[in-house]
Amino acid sequence: MNKQAIIDVFNEVRQSELTSISQYMAHSYYLNDMGFKKLGAEFEKEAVDEMKHAEALAVRILDLEGDPEFKPLHPPHKKGTIEAMFKADIALEKDAIERLGKGIKICSDNGDATSRIILDNIVQNEETHLLALKQHLKHLTNLGNDYLLKFVGE
C-alpha cells in the first residue's frame, strides 16, 4: 500500500472540505443578513456536515502517520444573489464529488478498504447536498423570488 498517495488524496479532499466550510458559512451569514434565516440555518448545517468530513479525514491522515492540511484549496465564493450562491455551491459539490471519486479509486488501487469506506461515506453525503442545492435552484428558477418567502424569519 502506498500510504503517501492516500495521505495526499486525503489532504486534497480535506482542503476541499475546508473550502466548503468557509463558503457555506459565508453564505449562511449573507442569507441571515438578508432576512432568510431558515435558509441560512440550512447552509450552516451543511457547513457543520463538512466539518465532520474534515475531521474524519484528519483522523485517518494521522492514523496513516501523515500531517493533516489546514489550508483551503481556494478562497470561498462570497456575496452575490441567492441564485449565484446556489450555483457556486453546486459547483463546489460537483468538484468535491469528482475529487472523492478519484480518491476512492486511489484507495481501491492501493488496497486500503478503510480509507475507501471513509471516502464512500463522504461522497454519499456530498451527493445528498448536491441534490438539495439543485432542488433549491430549480424551485427558485421555476417559482421566482416567491419561493424564497418560505425561508424568511427564524
N, C-alpha and C. Protein backbone atom coordinates (compact mmCIF):
# COMPACT_ATOMS: atom_id res chain seq x y z
N MET A 1 0.85 -1.19 0.00
CA MET A 1 0.00 0.00 0.00
C MET A 1 0.89 1.24 0.00
N ASN A 2 0.54 2.18 -0.87
CA ASN A 2 1.26 3.45 -0.94
C ASN A 2 0.57 4.45 -0.01
N LYS A 3 1.02 4.45 1.25
CA LYS A 3 0.39 5.32 2.25
C LYS A 3 0.45 6.79 1.85
N GLN A 4 1.57 7.20 1.26
CA GLN A 4 1.72 8.62 0.92
C GLN A 4 0.69 9.05 -0.13
N ALA A 5 0.39 8.18 -1.09
CA ALA A 5 -0.63 8.52 -2.10
C ALA A 5 -1.99 8.72 -1.44
N ILE A 6 -2.29 7.91 -0.45
CA ILE A 6 -3.57 8.02 0.25
C ILE A 6 -3.58 9.26 1.14
N ILE A 7 -2.48 9.52 1.83
CA ILE A 7 -2.37 10.74 2.63
C ILE A 7 -2.56 11.97 1.74
N ASP A 8 -1.91 11.95 0.59
CA ASP A 8 -2.01 13.10 -0.33
C ASP A 8 -3.45 13.32 -0.80
N VAL A 9 -4.14 12.25 -1.17
CA VAL A 9 -5.52 12.41 -1.64
C VAL A 9 -6.43 12.83 -0.49
N PHE A 10 -6.19 12.29 0.69
CA PHE A 10 -7.00 12.69 1.85
C PHE A 10 -6.77 14.17 2.18
N ASN A 11 -5.53 14.64 2.05
CA ASN A 11 -5.27 16.05 2.31
C ASN A 11 -5.93 16.95 1.26
N GLU A 12 -5.93 16.51 0.01
CA GLU A 12 -6.59 17.30 -1.03
C GLU A 12 -8.10 17.35 -0.79
N VAL A 13 -8.68 16.22 -0.44
CA VAL A 13 -10.11 16.20 -0.13
C VAL A 13 -10.38 17.05 1.11
N ARG A 14 -9.49 16.99 2.09
CA ARG A 14 -9.65 17.80 3.30
C ARG A 14 -9.62 19.29 2.96
N GLN A 15 -8.72 19.69 2.09
CA GLN A 15 -8.66 21.09 1.68
C GLN A 15 -9.96 21.51 1.00
N SER A 16 -10.51 20.63 0.21
CA SER A 16 -11.80 20.89 -0.44
C SER A 16 -12.90 21.08 0.61
N GLU A 17 -12.88 20.24 1.64
CA GLU A 17 -13.87 20.35 2.72
C GLU A 17 -13.69 21.66 3.48
N LEU A 18 -12.46 22.09 3.70
CA LEU A 18 -12.21 23.35 4.39
C LEU A 18 -12.74 24.53 3.56
N THR A 19 -12.59 24.45 2.25
CA THR A 19 -13.17 25.47 1.37
C THR A 19 -14.69 25.47 1.50
N SER A 20 -15.29 24.28 1.53
CA SER A 20 -16.74 24.16 1.65
C SER A 20 -17.24 24.75 2.96
N ILE A 21 -16.54 24.48 4.05
CA ILE A 21 -16.94 25.03 5.34
C ILE A 21 -16.99 26.55 5.27
N SER A 22 -15.93 27.15 4.75
CA SER A 22 -15.87 28.62 4.65
C SER A 22 -16.97 29.17 3.76
N GLN A 23 -17.20 28.51 2.64
CA GLN A 23 -18.21 29.00 1.69
C GLN A 23 -19.61 28.88 2.26
N TYR A 24 -19.94 27.74 2.84
CA TYR A 24 -21.27 27.57 3.41
C TYR A 24 -21.51 28.54 4.58
N MET A 25 -20.49 28.76 5.38
CA MET A 25 -20.66 29.71 6.49
C MET A 25 -20.82 31.13 5.96
N ALA A 26 -20.05 31.50 4.95
CA ALA A 26 -20.19 32.83 4.36
C ALA A 26 -21.61 33.01 3.81
N HIS A 27 -22.10 32.02 3.10
CA HIS A 27 -23.44 32.11 2.54
C HIS A 27 -24.49 32.15 3.65
N SER A 28 -24.26 31.43 4.72
CA SER A 28 -25.18 31.47 5.86
C SER A 28 -25.25 32.88 6.44
N TYR A 29 -24.10 33.52 6.61
CA TYR A 29 -24.08 34.88 7.15
C TYR A 29 -24.83 35.84 6.24
N TYR A 30 -24.57 35.75 4.93
CA TYR A 30 -25.24 36.66 3.98
C TYR A 30 -26.75 36.42 3.95
N LEU A 31 -27.15 35.17 3.94
CA LEU A 31 -28.59 34.85 3.92
C LEU A 31 -29.28 35.34 5.19
N ASN A 32 -28.64 35.14 6.33
CA ASN A 32 -29.21 35.64 7.58
C ASN A 32 -29.34 37.16 7.53
N ASP A 33 -28.32 37.81 7.00
CA ASP A 33 -28.34 39.28 6.91
C ASP A 33 -29.46 39.78 5.99
N MET A 34 -29.79 38.99 4.98
CA MET A 34 -30.86 39.37 4.05
C MET A 34 -32.24 39.01 4.59
N GLY A 35 -32.29 38.36 5.76
CA GLY A 35 -33.57 38.00 6.37
C GLY A 35 -34.03 36.59 6.08
N PHE A 36 -33.22 35.81 5.36
CA PHE A 36 -33.58 34.43 5.03
C PHE A 36 -32.96 33.48 6.05
N LYS A 37 -33.41 33.62 7.29
CA LYS A 37 -32.80 32.91 8.43
C LYS A 37 -32.94 31.38 8.30
N LYS A 38 -34.07 30.91 7.80
CA LYS A 38 -34.25 29.46 7.66
C LYS A 38 -33.28 28.89 6.63
N LEU A 39 -33.11 29.59 5.54
CA LEU A 39 -32.16 29.14 4.52
C LEU A 39 -30.73 29.27 5.05
N GLY A 40 -30.45 30.34 5.77
CA GLY A 40 -29.14 30.50 6.40
C GLY A 40 -28.82 29.35 7.34
N ALA A 41 -29.83 28.90 8.08
CA ALA A 41 -29.64 27.77 9.01
C ALA A 41 -29.32 26.49 8.24
N GLU A 42 -29.94 26.31 7.07
CA GLU A 42 -29.64 25.13 6.24
C GLU A 42 -28.17 25.15 5.81
N PHE A 43 -27.71 26.33 5.40
CA PHE A 43 -26.32 26.45 4.96
C PHE A 43 -25.36 26.23 6.12
N GLU A 44 -25.72 26.70 7.30
CA GLU A 44 -24.88 26.47 8.47
C GLU A 44 -24.80 24.98 8.79
N LYS A 45 -25.92 24.28 8.65
CA LYS A 45 -25.93 22.83 8.88
C LYS A 45 -25.02 22.12 7.88
N GLU A 46 -25.04 22.58 6.64
CA GLU A 46 -24.14 21.99 5.63
C GLU A 46 -22.69 22.20 6.03
N ALA A 47 -22.37 23.40 6.56
CA ALA A 47 -21.00 23.67 7.00
C ALA A 47 -20.59 22.71 8.11
N VAL A 48 -21.51 22.44 9.03
CA VAL A 48 -21.21 21.50 10.12
C VAL A 48 -20.96 20.10 9.56
N ASP A 49 -21.75 19.69 8.58
CA ASP A 49 -21.52 18.39 7.93
C ASP A 49 -20.11 18.34 7.32
N GLU A 50 -19.73 19.43 6.67
CA GLU A 50 -18.40 19.49 6.05
C GLU A 50 -17.31 19.45 7.13
N MET A 51 -17.57 20.06 8.29
CA MET A 51 -16.61 20.00 9.40
C MET A 51 -16.40 18.56 9.86
N LYS A 52 -17.49 17.81 9.91
CA LYS A 52 -17.38 16.40 10.30
C LYS A 52 -16.56 15.62 9.29
N HIS A 53 -16.73 15.94 8.01
CA HIS A 53 -15.92 15.28 6.98
C HIS A 53 -14.45 15.63 7.18
N ALA A 54 -14.17 16.90 7.37
CA ALA A 54 -12.78 17.35 7.53
C ALA A 54 -12.13 16.67 8.74
N GLU A 55 -12.91 16.50 9.80
CA GLU A 55 -12.40 15.84 11.00
C GLU A 55 -12.09 14.37 10.72
N ALA A 56 -13.00 13.66 10.07
CA ALA A 56 -12.78 12.25 9.75
C ALA A 56 -11.54 12.08 8.87
N LEU A 57 -11.36 12.99 7.94
CA LEU A 57 -10.19 12.93 7.06
C LEU A 57 -8.91 13.15 7.86
N ALA A 58 -8.91 14.12 8.77
CA ALA A 58 -7.73 14.40 9.58
C ALA A 58 -7.37 13.20 10.46
N VAL A 59 -8.37 12.58 11.05
CA VAL A 59 -8.13 11.42 11.90
C VAL A 59 -7.47 10.31 11.09
N ARG A 60 -7.98 10.06 9.89
CA ARG A 60 -7.40 8.99 9.06
C ARG A 60 -5.99 9.35 8.62
N ILE A 61 -5.75 10.61 8.28
CA ILE A 61 -4.40 11.04 7.89
C ILE A 61 -3.43 10.77 9.03
N LEU A 62 -3.84 11.10 10.24
CA LEU A 62 -2.99 10.84 11.41
C LEU A 62 -2.78 9.34 11.62
N ASP A 63 -3.84 8.55 11.40
CA ASP A 63 -3.71 7.09 11.50
C ASP A 63 -2.66 6.56 10.53
N LEU A 64 -2.57 7.21 9.37
CA LEU A 64 -1.60 6.79 8.34
C LEU A 64 -0.23 7.45 8.56
N GLU A 65 -0.08 8.14 9.70
CA GLU A 65 1.17 8.80 10.08
C GLU A 65 1.49 9.99 9.18
N GLY A 66 0.45 10.66 8.71
CA GLY A 66 0.63 11.85 7.91
C GLY A 66 0.32 13.11 8.71
N ASP A 67 0.39 14.22 8.04
CA ASP A 67 0.16 15.53 8.66
C ASP A 67 -1.03 16.18 7.96
N PRO A 68 -2.15 16.38 8.66
CA PRO A 68 -3.33 16.96 8.03
C PRO A 68 -3.10 18.40 7.55
N GLU A 69 -3.64 18.69 6.40
CA GLU A 69 -3.58 20.04 5.82
C GLU A 69 -4.65 20.91 6.48
N PHE A 70 -4.33 22.18 6.66
CA PHE A 70 -5.27 23.11 7.29
C PHE A 70 -5.59 24.31 6.41
N LYS A 71 -5.16 24.29 5.18
CA LYS A 71 -5.37 25.40 4.26
C LYS A 71 -6.43 25.01 3.23
N PRO A 72 -7.45 25.85 3.02
CA PRO A 72 -8.45 25.55 1.98
C PRO A 72 -7.80 25.49 0.59
N LEU A 73 -8.49 24.83 -0.34
CA LEU A 73 -8.00 24.76 -1.72
C LEU A 73 -7.96 26.12 -2.38
N HIS A 74 -9.00 26.91 -2.10
CA HIS A 74 -9.10 28.24 -2.70
C HIS A 74 -10.06 29.07 -1.85
N PRO A 75 -10.06 30.38 -2.05
CA PRO A 75 -10.99 31.22 -1.28
C PRO A 75 -12.43 30.85 -1.61
N PRO A 76 -13.33 31.00 -0.65
CA PRO A 76 -14.73 30.67 -0.90
C PRO A 76 -15.42 31.74 -1.75
N HIS A 77 -16.48 31.32 -2.45
CA HIS A 77 -17.38 32.27 -3.11
C HIS A 77 -18.09 33.00 -1.99
N LYS A 78 -18.25 34.29 -2.14
CA LYS A 78 -18.87 35.03 -1.04
C LYS A 78 -20.22 35.58 -1.46
N LYS A 79 -20.32 36.88 -1.45
CA LYS A 79 -21.60 37.55 -1.61
C LYS A 79 -22.07 37.55 -3.06
N GLY A 80 -23.37 37.58 -3.22
CA GLY A 80 -23.99 37.64 -4.53
C GLY A 80 -25.47 37.38 -4.37
N THR A 81 -26.13 37.15 -5.47
CA THR A 81 -27.55 36.82 -5.39
C THR A 81 -27.70 35.42 -4.79
N ILE A 82 -28.89 35.12 -4.36
CA ILE A 82 -29.13 33.78 -3.83
C ILE A 82 -28.92 32.74 -4.93
N GLU A 83 -29.36 33.07 -6.13
CA GLU A 83 -29.14 32.16 -7.26
C GLU A 83 -27.65 31.92 -7.47
N ALA A 84 -26.84 32.98 -7.39
CA ALA A 84 -25.39 32.84 -7.56
C ALA A 84 -24.79 31.97 -6.45
N MET A 85 -25.32 32.11 -5.23
CA MET A 85 -24.84 31.28 -4.13
C MET A 85 -25.14 29.81 -4.39
N PHE A 86 -26.38 29.53 -4.82
CA PHE A 86 -26.74 28.14 -5.13
C PHE A 86 -25.82 27.58 -6.22
N LYS A 87 -25.60 28.35 -7.27
CA LYS A 87 -24.75 27.89 -8.37
C LYS A 87 -23.32 27.64 -7.91
N ALA A 88 -22.80 28.53 -7.08
CA ALA A 88 -21.43 28.35 -6.57
C ALA A 88 -21.34 27.10 -5.69
N ASP A 89 -22.37 26.86 -4.90
CA ASP A 89 -22.36 25.69 -4.02
C ASP A 89 -22.55 24.40 -4.81
N ILE A 90 -23.33 24.46 -5.87
CA ILE A 90 -23.47 23.29 -6.75
C ILE A 90 -22.12 22.96 -7.38
N ALA A 91 -21.42 23.98 -7.87
CA ALA A 91 -20.10 23.76 -8.46
C ALA A 91 -19.13 23.17 -7.42
N LEU A 92 -19.20 23.68 -6.20
CA LEU A 92 -18.35 23.18 -5.12
C LEU A 92 -18.61 21.71 -4.85
N GLU A 93 -19.88 21.32 -4.78
CA GLU A 93 -20.24 19.92 -4.52
C GLU A 93 -19.84 19.02 -5.68
N LYS A 94 -20.04 19.46 -6.90
CA LYS A 94 -19.65 18.66 -8.07
C LYS A 94 -18.14 18.41 -8.06
N ASP A 95 -17.39 19.46 -7.74
CA ASP A 95 -15.94 19.34 -7.67
C ASP A 95 -15.54 18.36 -6.57
N ALA A 96 -16.19 18.45 -5.43
CA ALA A 96 -15.88 17.54 -4.31
C ALA A 96 -16.18 16.10 -4.69
N ILE A 97 -17.30 15.88 -5.33
CA ILE A 97 -17.70 14.51 -5.73
C ILE A 97 -16.69 13.93 -6.72
N GLU A 98 -16.25 14.75 -7.66
CA GLU A 98 -15.24 14.28 -8.63
C GLU A 98 -13.93 13.95 -7.91
N ARG A 99 -13.51 14.82 -7.02
CA ARG A 99 -12.27 14.61 -6.26
C ARG A 99 -12.38 13.33 -5.40
N LEU A 100 -13.53 13.15 -4.77
CA LEU A 100 -13.74 11.95 -3.95
C LEU A 100 -13.70 10.68 -4.81
N GLY A 101 -14.28 10.74 -6.00
CA GLY A 101 -14.23 9.59 -6.89
C GLY A 101 -12.81 9.18 -7.23
N LYS A 102 -11.97 10.18 -7.50
CA LYS A 102 -10.56 9.88 -7.78
C LYS A 102 -9.89 9.29 -6.54
N GLY A 103 -10.23 9.83 -5.38
CA GLY A 103 -9.66 9.31 -4.13
C GLY A 103 -10.08 7.88 -3.86
N ILE A 104 -11.33 7.58 -4.14
CA ILE A 104 -11.84 6.22 -3.95
C ILE A 104 -11.06 5.24 -4.83
N LYS A 105 -10.79 5.66 -6.06
CA LYS A 105 -10.01 4.80 -6.97
C LYS A 105 -8.60 4.58 -6.43
N ILE A 106 -7.98 5.63 -5.92
CA ILE A 106 -6.62 5.50 -5.38
C ILE A 106 -6.63 4.56 -4.18
N CYS A 107 -7.62 4.69 -3.32
CA CYS A 107 -7.72 3.78 -2.17
C CYS A 107 -7.91 2.33 -2.62
N SER A 108 -8.77 2.14 -3.62
CA SER A 108 -9.00 0.78 -4.14
C SER A 108 -7.74 0.22 -4.77
N ASP A 109 -7.08 1.05 -5.59
CA ASP A 109 -5.85 0.60 -6.26
C ASP A 109 -4.76 0.22 -5.26
N ASN A 110 -4.79 0.83 -4.07
CA ASN A 110 -3.78 0.57 -3.05
C ASN A 110 -4.25 -0.42 -1.99
N GLY A 111 -5.44 -0.97 -2.17
CA GLY A 111 -5.93 -1.98 -1.24
C GLY A 111 -6.25 -1.46 0.15
N ASP A 112 -6.62 -0.19 0.25
CA ASP A 112 -6.93 0.42 1.56
C ASP A 112 -8.45 0.55 1.69
N ALA A 113 -9.07 -0.52 2.18
CA ALA A 113 -10.53 -0.55 2.31
C ALA A 113 -11.03 0.45 3.34
N THR A 114 -10.29 0.63 4.43
CA THR A 114 -10.72 1.56 5.47
C THR A 114 -10.82 2.98 4.93
N SER A 115 -9.80 3.42 4.22
CA SER A 115 -9.82 4.77 3.64
C SER A 115 -10.92 4.89 2.59
N ARG A 116 -11.11 3.85 1.80
CA ARG A 116 -12.15 3.87 0.78
C ARG A 116 -13.53 4.03 1.42
N ILE A 117 -13.79 3.33 2.51
CA ILE A 117 -15.08 3.43 3.18
C ILE A 117 -15.32 4.85 3.69
N ILE A 118 -14.28 5.47 4.22
CA ILE A 118 -14.41 6.86 4.70
C ILE A 118 -14.83 7.76 3.54
N LEU A 119 -14.17 7.62 2.40
CA LEU A 119 -14.49 8.45 1.23
C LEU A 119 -15.85 8.10 0.67
N ASP A 120 -16.21 6.82 0.66
CA ASP A 120 -17.55 6.41 0.20
C ASP A 120 -18.64 7.09 1.03
N ASN A 121 -18.45 7.13 2.34
CA ASN A 121 -19.44 7.77 3.22
C ASN A 121 -19.54 9.26 2.96
N ILE A 122 -18.40 9.89 2.73
CA ILE A 122 -18.40 11.34 2.46
C ILE A 122 -19.08 11.62 1.12
N VAL A 123 -18.77 10.83 0.10
CA VAL A 123 -19.35 11.09 -1.22
C VAL A 123 -20.87 10.93 -1.19
N GLN A 124 -21.38 9.99 -0.42
CA GLN A 124 -22.83 9.85 -0.30
C GLN A 124 -23.45 11.11 0.29
N ASN A 125 -22.80 11.66 1.29
CA ASN A 125 -23.30 12.88 1.92
C ASN A 125 -23.23 14.07 0.96
N GLU A 126 -22.15 14.14 0.20
CA GLU A 126 -22.00 15.24 -0.77
C GLU A 126 -23.06 15.14 -1.87
N GLU A 127 -23.38 13.93 -2.29
CA GLU A 127 -24.42 13.76 -3.30
C GLU A 127 -25.77 14.21 -2.78
N THR A 128 -26.04 13.98 -1.49
CA THR A 128 -27.27 14.47 -0.88
C THR A 128 -27.29 16.00 -0.85
N HIS A 129 -26.16 16.60 -0.49
CA HIS A 129 -26.05 18.07 -0.51
C HIS A 129 -26.32 18.60 -1.92
N LEU A 130 -25.69 17.97 -2.91
CA LEU A 130 -25.85 18.41 -4.29
C LEU A 130 -27.30 18.36 -4.74
N LEU A 131 -27.98 17.27 -4.43
CA LEU A 131 -29.39 17.14 -4.81
C LEU A 131 -30.23 18.24 -4.18
N ALA A 132 -30.01 18.53 -2.90
CA ALA A 132 -30.78 19.58 -2.22
C ALA A 132 -30.53 20.94 -2.86
N LEU A 133 -29.29 21.23 -3.18
CA LEU A 133 -28.96 22.52 -3.81
C LEU A 133 -29.60 22.63 -5.19
N LYS A 134 -29.55 21.55 -5.97
CA LYS A 134 -30.17 21.57 -7.30
C LYS A 134 -31.68 21.78 -7.19
N GLN A 135 -32.30 21.18 -6.18
CA GLN A 135 -33.74 21.37 -5.99
C GLN A 135 -34.06 22.81 -5.62
N HIS A 136 -33.26 23.40 -4.73
CA HIS A 136 -33.46 24.82 -4.38
C HIS A 136 -33.37 25.69 -5.64
N LEU A 137 -32.32 25.46 -6.44
CA LEU A 137 -32.12 26.27 -7.64
C LEU A 137 -33.27 26.07 -8.62
N LYS A 138 -33.72 24.84 -8.77
CA LYS A 138 -34.84 24.54 -9.68
C LYS A 138 -36.10 25.28 -9.22
N HIS A 139 -36.39 25.21 -7.93
CA HIS A 139 -37.58 25.89 -7.41
C HIS A 139 -37.46 27.41 -7.56
N LEU A 140 -36.28 27.94 -7.31
CA LEU A 140 -36.07 29.38 -7.47
C LEU A 140 -36.26 29.78 -8.93
N THR A 141 -35.74 28.97 -9.84
CA THR A 141 -35.87 29.25 -11.28
C THR A 141 -37.33 29.17 -11.71
N ASN A 142 -38.05 28.16 -11.26
CA ASN A 142 -39.43 27.95 -11.68
C ASN A 142 -40.43 28.87 -10.99
N LEU A 143 -40.19 29.18 -9.72
CA LEU A 143 -41.16 29.95 -8.95
C LEU A 143 -40.74 31.40 -8.72
N GLY A 144 -39.50 31.71 -9.01
CA GLY A 144 -39.02 33.06 -8.80
C GLY A 144 -38.82 33.35 -7.31
N ASN A 145 -38.75 34.62 -7.00
CA ASN A 145 -38.48 35.03 -5.63
C ASN A 145 -39.57 34.63 -4.65
N ASP A 146 -40.77 34.30 -5.14
CA ASP A 146 -41.83 33.83 -4.24
C ASP A 146 -41.38 32.56 -3.49
N TYR A 147 -40.54 31.76 -4.14
CA TYR A 147 -40.02 30.54 -3.48
C TYR A 147 -39.27 30.88 -2.20
N LEU A 148 -38.60 32.02 -2.19
CA LEU A 148 -37.76 32.39 -1.06
C LEU A 148 -38.57 32.83 0.16
N LEU A 149 -39.84 33.17 -0.03
CA LEU A 149 -40.65 33.65 1.09
C LEU A 149 -40.75 32.63 2.22
N LYS A 150 -40.68 31.35 1.89
CA LYS A 150 -40.78 30.33 2.94
C LYS A 150 -39.55 30.29 3.83
N PHE A 151 -38.48 30.99 3.45
CA PHE A 151 -37.25 30.99 4.22
C PHE A 151 -37.07 32.26 5.06
N VAL A 152 -38.06 33.16 5.00
CA VAL A 152 -37.97 34.40 5.78
C VAL A 152 -38.31 34.09 7.22
N GLY A 153 -37.62 34.75 8.13
CA GLY A 153 -37.90 34.58 9.56
C GLY A 153 -37.04 33.52 10.16
N GLU A 154 -37.27 33.28 11.43
CA GLU A 154 -36.41 32.36 12.20
C GLU A 154 -36.92 30.95 12.14
